[in-house]
């Protein structure tokens, strides 16, 4: 059973680039569930790099459209990145127990809540505000 069962009705927000990025995140996260210990650190680091790029793109969108909740959204990004970086360091040291728990429990719950609240609010703002990106 995947950590997150991607459901288009729940997980697609109606912005192609964001939706593709979110699907990528889910697929990479799900792959970690049964990842052999010998491969876990490198694949978690890849998920971390993906997440950094993902958040950088969202930050750029929020700045460009003057999203009114940018401070809260960015703070949440910083918080989860700090967590991920801490666990990436533990995995590099061969410490997998707490990292696997984080992967199984915290990240899926965080993603669901972040998508349903902060990302959906950003998409709503992008779709209803004056800002229109050429790639939307």
C-alpha atoms as a PDB file:
ATOM      1  CA  UNK A   1       0.000   0.000   0.000  1.00  0.00           C
ATOM      2  CA  UNK A   2       1.451   3.402  -0.955  1.00  0.00           C
ATOM      3  CA  UNK A   3       2.004   6.031   1.698  1.00  0.00           C
ATOM      4  CA  UNK A   4      -0.191   8.395  -0.307  1.00  0.00           C
ATOM      5  CA  UNK A   5      -2.721   7.033  -2.749  1.00  0.00           C
ATOM      6  CA  UNK A   6      -2.818   9.810  -5.349  1.00  0.00           C
ATOM      7  CA  UNK A   7      -6.434  10.711  -6.015  1.00  0.00           C
ATOM      8  CA  UNK A   8      -6.981  13.196  -8.833  1.00  0.00           C
ATOM      9  CA  UNK A   9     -10.138  14.579  -7.225  1.00  0.00           C
ATOM     10  CA  UNK A  10      -8.279  15.348  -3.998  1.00  0.00           C
ATOM     11  CA  UNK A  11      -4.721  16.049  -5.099  1.00  0.00           C
ATOM     12  CA  UNK A  12      -5.059  17.939  -8.373  1.00  0.00           C
ATOM     13  CA  UNK A  13      -5.432  21.678  -7.901  1.00  0.00           C
ATOM     14  CA  UNK A  14      -5.923  22.608 -11.532  1.00  0.00           C
ATOM     15  CA  UNK A  15      -2.509  24.075 -12.265  1.00  0.00           C
ATOM     16  CA  UNK A  16      -0.556  21.749 -14.517  1.00  0.00           C
ATOM     17  CA  UNK A  17       2.949  22.544 -13.261  1.00  0.00           C
ATOM     18  CA  UNK A  18       2.019  22.366  -9.570  1.00  0.00           C
ATOM     19  CA  UNK A  19      -0.010  19.211 -10.096  1.00  0.00           C
ATOM     20  CA  UNK A  20       2.893  17.531 -11.899  1.00  0.00           C
ATOM     21  CA  UNK A  21       5.294  18.576  -9.135  1.00  0.00           C
ATOM     22  CA  UNK A  22       2.949  17.234  -6.464  1.00  0.00           C
ATOM     23  CA  UNK A  23       2.528  13.939  -8.313  1.00  0.00           C
ATOM     24  CA  UNK A  24       6.325  13.682  -8.557  1.00  0.00           C
ATOM     25  CA  UNK A  25       6.632  14.298  -4.810  1.00  0.00           C
ATOM     26  CA  UNK A  26       4.056  11.597  -4.049  1.00  0.00           C
ATOM     27  CA  UNK A  27       5.736   9.082  -6.352  1.00  0.00           C
ATOM     28  CA  UNK A  28       9.172   9.726  -4.847  1.00  0.00           C
ATOM     29  CA  UNK A  29       7.802   9.565  -1.311  1.00  0.00           C
ATOM     30  CA  UNK A  30       5.921   6.333  -2.012  1.00  0.00           C
ATOM     31  CA  UNK A  31       9.077   4.782  -3.459  1.00  0.00           C
ATOM     32  CA  UNK A  32      10.830   5.349  -0.126  1.00  0.00           C
ATOM     33  CA  UNK A  33       8.386   3.126   1.780  1.00  0.00           C
ATOM     34  CA  UNK A  34      10.035  -0.153   0.793  1.00  0.00           C
ATOM     35  CA  UNK A  35      13.416   1.233  -0.191  1.00  0.00           C
ATOM     36  CA  UNK A  36      16.354  -0.931   0.900  1.00  0.00           C
ATOM     37  CA  UNK A  37      18.425   0.702   3.617  1.00  0.00           C
ATOM     38  CA  UNK A  38      21.437   0.803   1.299  1.00  0.00           C
ATOM     39  CA  UNK A  39      19.535   3.076  -1.124  1.00  0.00           C
ATOM     40  CA  UNK A  40      17.399   5.098   1.266  1.00  0.00           C
ATOM     41  CA  UNK A  41      19.814   7.995   1.897  1.00  0.00           C
ATOM     42  CA  UNK A  42      20.392   8.757  -1.782  1.00  0.00           C
ATOM     43  CA  UNK A  43      16.705   8.590  -2.687  1.00  0.00           C
ATOM     44  CA  UNK A  44      15.682  10.679   0.311  1.00  0.00           C
ATOM     45  CA  UNK A  45      18.295  13.253  -0.725  1.00  0.00           C
ATOM     46  CA  UNK A  46      16.741  13.273  -4.201  1.00  0.00           C
ATOM     47  CA  UNK A  47      13.322  13.910  -2.640  1.00  0.00           C
ATOM     48  CA  UNK A  48      14.838  16.733  -0.601  1.00  0.00           C
ATOM     49  CA  UNK A  49      16.346  18.310  -3.749  1.00  0.00           C
ATOM     50  CA  UNK A  50      12.986  17.958  -5.512  1.00  0.00           C
ATOM     51  CA  UNK A  51      11.244  19.603  -2.565  1.00  0.00           C
ATOM     52  CA  UNK A  52      13.706  22.516  -2.495  1.00  0.00           C
ATOM     53  CA  UNK A  53      13.092  23.175  -6.210  1.00  0.00           C
ATOM     54  CA  UNK A  54       9.345  22.782  -5.660  1.00  0.00           C
ATOM     55  CA  UNK A  55       9.336  25.339  -2.851  1.00  0.00           C
ATOM     56  CA  UNK A  56      11.550  27.749  -4.792  1.00  0.00           C
ATOM     57  CA  UNK A  57       9.016  27.720  -7.637  1.00  0.00           C
ATOM     58  CA  UNK A  58       6.116  28.272  -5.241  1.00  0.00           C
ATOM     59  CA  UNK A  59       7.988  31.122  -3.564  1.00  0.00           C
ATOM     60  CA  UNK A  60       8.487  32.765  -6.952  1.00  0.00           C
ATOM     61  CA  UNK A  61       4.784  32.402  -7.744  1.00  0.00           C
ATOM     62  CA  UNK A  62       3.795  33.854  -4.377  1.00  0.00           C
ATOM     63  CA  UNK A  63       6.096  36.843  -4.836  1.00  0.00           C
ATOM     64  CA  UNK A  64       4.921  37.457  -8.388  1.00  0.00           C
ATOM     65  CA  UNK A  65       1.236  37.445  -7.466  1.00  0.00           C
ATOM     66  CA  UNK A  66       1.697  39.194  -4.106  1.00  0.00           C
ATOM     67  CA  UNK A  67       0.073  36.307  -2.270  1.00  0.00           C
ATOM     68  CA  UNK A  68      -1.223  37.744   1.014  1.00  0.00           C
ATOM     69  CA  UNK A  69      -0.270  34.655   3.049  1.00  0.00           C
ATOM     70  CA  UNK A  70       3.287  34.348   1.775  1.00  0.00           C
ATOM     71  CA  UNK A  71       4.855  34.604   5.247  1.00  0.00           C
ATOM     72  CA  UNK A  72       2.887  31.669   6.639  1.00  0.00           C
ATOM     73  CA  UNK A  73       3.407  29.590   3.514  1.00  0.00           C
ATOM     74  CA  UNK A  74       7.141  30.229   3.428  1.00  0.00           C
ATOM     75  CA  UNK A  75       7.445  29.485   7.151  1.00  0.00           C
ATOM     76  CA  UNK A  76       5.839  26.101   6.557  1.00  0.00           C
ATOM     77  CA  UNK A  77       8.265  25.437   3.715  1.00  0.00           C
ATOM     78  CA  UNK A  78      11.229  26.318   5.920  1.00  0.00           C
ATOM     79  CA  UNK A  79       9.941  24.090   8.712  1.00  0.00           C
ATOM     80  CA  UNK A  80       9.530  20.972   6.560  1.00  0.00           C
ATOM     81  CA  UNK A  81      12.852  21.570   4.784  1.00  0.00           C
ATOM     82  CA  UNK A  82      14.638  21.798   8.128  1.00  0.00           C
ATOM     83  CA  UNK A  83      13.050  18.515   9.166  1.00  0.00           C
ATOM     84  CA  UNK A  84      13.965  16.849   5.892  1.00  0.00           C
ATOM     85  CA  UNK A  85      17.545  18.122   6.077  1.00  0.00           C
ATOM     86  CA  UNK A  86      17.893  16.784   9.613  1.00  0.00           C
ATOM     87  CA  UNK A  87      16.679  13.337   8.561  1.00  0.00           C
ATOM     88  CA  UNK A  88      18.825  13.379   5.421  1.00  0.00           C
ATOM     89  CA  UNK A  89      21.818  13.895   7.716  1.00  0.00           C
ATOM     90  CA  UNK A  90      20.755  11.000   9.903  1.00  0.00           C
ATOM     91  CA  UNK A  91      20.378   8.755   6.867  1.00  0.00           C
ATOM     92  CA  UNK A  92      23.853   9.725   5.679  1.00  0.00           C
ATOM     93  CA  UNK A  93      25.126   8.479   9.053  1.00  0.00           C
ATOM     94  CA  UNK A  94      23.258   5.186   8.610  1.00  0.00           C
ATOM     95  CA  UNK A  95      20.569   6.073  11.176  1.00  0.00           C
ATOM     96  CA  UNK A  96      17.337   4.900   9.586  1.00  0.00           C
ATOM     97  CA  UNK A  97      14.805   4.159  12.337  1.00  0.00           C
ATOM     98  CA  UNK A  98      13.529   7.686  12.975  1.00  0.00           C
ATOM     99  CA  UNK A  99      13.923   8.705   9.345  1.00  0.00           C
ATOM    100  CA  UNK A 100      11.724   5.811   8.219  1.00  0.00           C
ATOM    101  CA  UNK A 101       9.125   6.828  10.803  1.00  0.00           C
ATOM    102  CA  UNK A 102       9.264  10.399   9.502  1.00  0.00           C
ATOM    103  CA  UNK A 103       8.845   9.158   5.930  1.00  0.00           C
ATOM    104  CA  UNK A 104       5.896   6.919   6.834  1.00  0.00           C
ATOM    105  CA  UNK A 105       4.054   9.172   9.237  1.00  0.00           C
ATOM    106  CA  UNK A 106       4.999  12.839   9.157  1.00  0.00           C
ATOM    107  CA  UNK A 107       5.600  13.537   5.470  1.00  0.00           C
ATOM    108  CA  UNK A 108       2.346  12.016   4.148  1.00  0.00           C
ATOM    109  CA  UNK A 109       0.282  13.840   6.788  1.00  0.00           C
ATOM    110  CA  UNK A 110       2.157  17.085   6.187  1.00  0.00           C
ATOM    111  CA  UNK A 111       1.652  16.817   2.413  1.00  0.00           C
ATOM    112  CA  UNK A 112      -2.090  16.198   2.697  1.00  0.00           C
ATOM    113  CA  UNK A 113      -2.607  19.154   5.015  1.00  0.00           C
ATOM    114  CA  UNK A 114      -0.286  21.507   3.120  1.00  0.00           C
ATOM    115  CA  UNK A 115      -1.952  20.687  -0.196  1.00  0.00           C
ATOM    116  CA  UNK A 116      -5.477  21.058   1.171  1.00  0.00           C
ATOM    117  CA  UNK A 117      -4.782  24.325   2.943  1.00  0.00           C
ATOM    118  CA  UNK A 118      -1.810  26.390   1.837  1.00  0.00           C
ATOM    119  CA  UNK A 119      -1.325  25.200  -1.740  1.00  0.00           C
ATOM    120  CA  UNK A 120      -5.037  25.241  -2.519  1.00  0.00           C
ATOM    121  CA  UNK A 121      -5.251  28.816  -1.162  1.00  0.00           C
ATOM    122  CA  UNK A 122      -2.313  29.820  -3.379  1.00  0.00           C
ATOM    123  CA  UNK A 123      -3.919  28.267  -6.455  1.00  0.00           C
ATOM    124  CA  UNK A 124      -7.216  29.965  -5.681  1.00  0.00           C
ATOM    125  CA  UNK A 125      -5.408  33.297  -5.415  1.00  0.00           C
ATOM    126  CA  UNK A 126      -3.546  32.680  -8.676  1.00  0.00           C
ATOM    127  CA  UNK A 127      -6.758  31.754 -10.502  1.00  0.00           C
ATOM    128  CA  UNK A 128      -8.900  34.583  -9.164  1.00  0.00           C
ATOM    129  CA  UNK A 129      -6.341  37.369  -8.778  1.00  0.00           C
ATOM    130  CA  UNK A 130      -4.961  39.683 -11.412  1.00  0.00           C
ATOM    131  CA  UNK A 131      -1.761  37.705 -11.772  1.00  0.00           C
ATOM    132  CA  UNK A 132      -1.616  35.418 -14.807  1.00  0.00           C
ATOM    133  CA  UNK A 133       1.544  33.498 -15.606  1.00  0.00           C
ATOM    134  CA  UNK A 134       2.126  32.465 -19.224  1.00  0.00           C
ATOM    135  CA  UNK A 135       2.496  28.830 -18.139  1.00  0.00           C
ATOM    136  CA  UNK A 136      -0.750  28.606 -16.161  1.00  0.00           C
END
